[in-house]
N, C-alpha and C. Protein backbone atom coordinates (compact mmCIF):
# COMPACT_ATOMS: atom_id res chain seq x y z
N MET A 1 -8.89 -16.64 -1.68
CA MET A 1 -7.93 -15.77 -1.53
C MET A 1 -7.85 -14.78 -0.17
N THR A 2 -6.79 -14.78 0.57
CA THR A 2 -6.56 -14.26 1.63
C THR A 2 -5.80 -12.77 1.42
N HIS A 3 -6.01 -11.85 2.28
CA HIS A 3 -4.86 -10.77 2.47
C HIS A 3 -3.52 -11.00 2.89
N LYS A 4 -2.46 -10.58 2.47
CA LYS A 4 -1.56 -11.07 3.28
C LYS A 4 -1.33 -10.02 4.22
N PHE A 5 -1.56 -8.59 4.26
CA PHE A 5 -1.57 -7.37 4.90
C PHE A 5 -3.41 -7.04 5.57
N LYS A 6 -2.89 -6.39 6.72
CA LYS A 6 -4.25 -6.21 7.68
C LYS A 6 -4.46 -4.50 7.77
N VAL A 7 -5.59 -4.17 7.71
CA VAL A 7 -5.84 -2.92 8.04
C VAL A 7 -5.22 -2.15 9.16
N ARG A 8 -4.77 -1.23 8.86
CA ARG A 8 -3.70 -0.38 9.95
C ARG A 8 -2.43 -0.74 9.98
N GLN A 9 -2.18 -1.76 9.41
CA GLN A 9 -0.62 -2.46 9.16
C GLN A 9 0.16 -1.31 8.35
N LEU A 10 1.33 -1.05 9.00
CA LEU A 10 2.15 -0.22 8.27
C LEU A 10 2.91 -1.00 7.05
N VAL A 11 3.33 -0.61 5.82
CA VAL A 11 3.88 -0.77 4.86
C VAL A 11 4.84 0.35 4.06
N ARG A 12 5.42 -0.51 3.33
CA ARG A 12 6.38 0.45 2.45
C ARG A 12 6.30 -0.13 0.88
N LEU A 13 6.18 0.95 0.09
CA LEU A 13 6.49 0.43 -1.41
C LEU A 13 7.55 -0.51 -1.72
N LYS A 14 7.76 -1.71 -2.54
CA LYS A 14 8.83 -1.99 -2.81
C LYS A 14 9.62 -0.94 -3.95
N GLN A 15 9.19 -0.43 -4.44
CA GLN A 15 9.94 0.53 -5.63
C GLN A 15 9.10 1.80 -5.59
N PRO A 16 9.62 2.84 -4.28
CA PRO A 16 9.15 3.56 -4.25
C PRO A 16 9.46 4.75 -5.41
N GLY A 17 8.30 5.92 -6.03
CA GLY A 17 8.82 6.56 -7.01
C GLY A 17 9.19 8.08 -6.20
N PHE A 18 9.25 9.21 -7.32
CA PHE A 18 9.69 10.40 -7.18
C PHE A 18 8.83 11.07 -6.00
N SER A 19 7.56 10.79 -6.38
CA SER A 19 6.53 11.37 -5.47
C SER A 19 6.47 10.72 -3.89
N ASP A 20 6.77 9.68 -3.98
CA ASP A 20 6.67 8.70 -2.73
C ASP A 20 8.03 9.49 -1.81
N ALA A 21 9.05 9.71 -2.49
CA ALA A 21 10.25 10.19 -1.43
C ALA A 21 9.80 11.71 -1.08
N GLN A 22 8.86 12.02 -1.53
CA GLN A 22 8.37 13.65 -1.00
C GLN A 22 7.51 13.51 0.16
N THR A 23 7.07 12.10 0.76
CA THR A 23 5.79 11.97 1.64
C THR A 23 6.77 12.30 2.96
N SER A 24 5.84 12.97 4.09
CA SER A 24 6.60 13.32 5.43
C SER A 24 6.66 12.26 6.13
N SER A 25 6.09 11.12 5.92
CA SER A 25 6.56 9.88 6.67
C SER A 25 7.56 8.83 6.35
N GLY A 26 8.25 9.34 5.48
CA GLY A 26 9.81 8.36 5.28
C GLY A 26 8.91 7.50 4.08
N GLY A 27 8.05 7.47 3.70
CA GLY A 27 7.77 6.33 2.60
C GLY A 27 6.67 5.16 3.54
N VAL A 28 6.53 5.24 4.99
CA VAL A 28 5.59 4.26 5.31
C VAL A 28 4.01 5.13 4.98
N TYR A 29 3.47 4.11 4.62
CA TYR A 29 2.10 4.21 4.41
C TYR A 29 1.28 3.09 5.44
N GLU A 30 -0.28 3.55 5.76
CA GLU A 30 -0.96 2.91 6.58
C GLU A 30 -1.70 1.81 5.71
N VAL A 31 -2.26 1.01 6.02
CA VAL A 31 -3.13 0.08 4.99
C VAL A 31 -4.49 0.92 5.60
N ILE A 32 -5.59 1.16 4.87
CA ILE A 32 -6.73 1.88 5.23
C ILE A 32 -7.77 1.02 5.06
N ARG A 33 -7.54 -0.08 3.68
CA ARG A 33 -8.83 -0.73 3.28
C ARG A 33 -8.62 -1.88 2.35
N LEU A 34 -8.84 -3.20 2.71
CA LEU A 34 -8.61 -4.10 1.68
C LEU A 34 -9.77 -4.14 0.43
N MET A 35 -9.14 -4.48 -0.26
CA MET A 35 -10.02 -4.50 -1.63
C MET A 35 -9.69 -5.83 -2.27
N PRO A 36 -10.75 -6.07 -3.22
CA PRO A 36 -10.93 -7.45 -4.05
C PRO A 36 -9.80 -7.39 -5.02
N ALA A 37 -9.82 -8.54 -5.30
CA ALA A 37 -8.74 -9.06 -6.32
C ALA A 37 -8.95 -7.92 -8.03
N ASP A 38 -8.15 -7.67 -8.60
CA ASP A 38 -8.22 -6.78 -9.72
C ASP A 38 -8.42 -8.13 -10.73
N GLN A 39 -8.37 -7.69 -12.03
CA GLN A 39 -8.49 -8.31 -13.19
C GLN A 39 -7.76 -9.58 -13.45
N THR A 40 -6.28 -9.68 -12.99
CA THR A 40 -5.35 -10.55 -13.26
C THR A 40 -5.22 -11.31 -11.61
N GLY A 41 -6.38 -10.95 -10.75
CA GLY A 41 -6.62 -12.01 -9.88
C GLY A 41 -5.89 -11.76 -8.52
N GLU A 42 -4.96 -10.82 -8.62
CA GLU A 42 -4.04 -9.77 -7.65
C GLU A 42 -5.20 -9.13 -6.25
N LEU A 43 -4.79 -9.53 -5.35
CA LEU A 43 -5.19 -8.50 -4.17
C LEU A 43 -4.87 -7.21 -4.26
N SER A 44 -5.78 -6.21 -3.63
CA SER A 44 -5.06 -4.81 -3.79
C SER A 44 -5.96 -4.42 -2.20
N TYR A 45 -4.90 -2.96 -2.20
CA TYR A 45 -5.25 -2.41 -0.80
C TYR A 45 -5.36 -0.51 -1.52
N ARG A 46 -6.02 -0.22 -0.34
CA ARG A 46 -5.71 1.46 -0.47
C ARG A 46 -4.79 1.67 0.90
N ILE A 47 -3.92 2.87 0.75
CA ILE A 47 -2.90 2.97 1.55
C ILE A 47 -2.72 4.20 1.58
N LYS A 48 -2.28 4.80 2.87
CA LYS A 48 -2.33 6.39 3.21
C LYS A 48 -0.93 6.65 3.55
N ALA A 49 -0.59 7.55 3.57
CA ALA A 49 0.54 8.62 4.48
C ALA A 49 0.44 10.09 4.65
N GLY A 50 -0.36 10.59 5.42
CA GLY A 50 -0.62 11.93 5.12
C GLY A 50 -1.67 12.22 4.69
N PHE A 51 -1.64 13.29 3.81
CA PHE A 51 -2.67 13.66 2.90
C PHE A 51 -2.71 12.72 1.32
N ILE A 52 -1.67 11.58 1.26
CA ILE A 52 -1.36 11.00 0.12
C ILE A 52 -2.18 9.77 -0.04
N GLU A 53 -3.19 9.25 -0.44
CA GLU A 53 -3.43 7.98 -0.64
C GLU A 53 -3.87 7.27 -1.82
N ARG A 54 -3.36 6.42 -2.20
CA ARG A 54 -3.29 5.62 -3.41
C ARG A 54 -3.63 3.91 -3.29
N ALA A 55 -3.98 3.90 -4.26
CA ALA A 55 -4.28 2.23 -4.41
C ALA A 55 -3.21 1.14 -4.78
N VAL A 56 -2.83 0.38 -4.40
CA VAL A 56 -1.66 -0.69 -4.81
C VAL A 56 -1.99 -1.94 -4.66
N ARG A 57 -1.07 -2.75 -5.95
CA ARG A 57 -1.52 -4.17 -5.73
C ARG A 57 -0.53 -4.88 -4.48
N GLU A 58 -0.79 -5.89 -4.08
CA GLU A 58 -0.10 -6.66 -2.76
C GLU A 58 1.27 -7.08 -3.30
N SER A 59 1.70 -7.34 -4.45
CA SER A 59 3.01 -7.24 -5.09
C SER A 59 3.91 -6.12 -4.70
N GLU A 60 3.36 -5.04 -4.92
CA GLU A 60 3.78 -3.43 -4.79
C GLU A 60 4.09 -3.04 -3.21
N ILE A 61 4.15 -3.80 -2.45
CA ILE A 61 4.15 -3.33 -0.77
C ILE A 61 4.94 -4.68 -0.24
N ARG A 62 5.44 -4.07 0.91
CA ARG A 62 6.33 -4.94 1.77
C ARG A 62 5.94 -4.45 3.36
N SER A 63 5.84 -5.17 4.11
CA SER A 63 6.01 -4.69 5.55
C SER A 63 6.94 -4.11 5.96
N THR A 64 7.08 -2.98 7.24
CA THR A 64 7.74 -2.57 7.29
C THR A 64 8.53 -3.11 8.66
């Protein structure tokens, strides 16, 4: 299985939450690390916007 997104690619959350709306980047995150698949087999990523860093599944993000 290969990752859909690459390191340094800009992405957005498909369904941003309240705290995501507060980021100064306007909801745009940068992929900083490709992670292995989780227990369900879905690939994951580490993304970052400003000081906010989080782990997300591939189904939770989209390209900008």
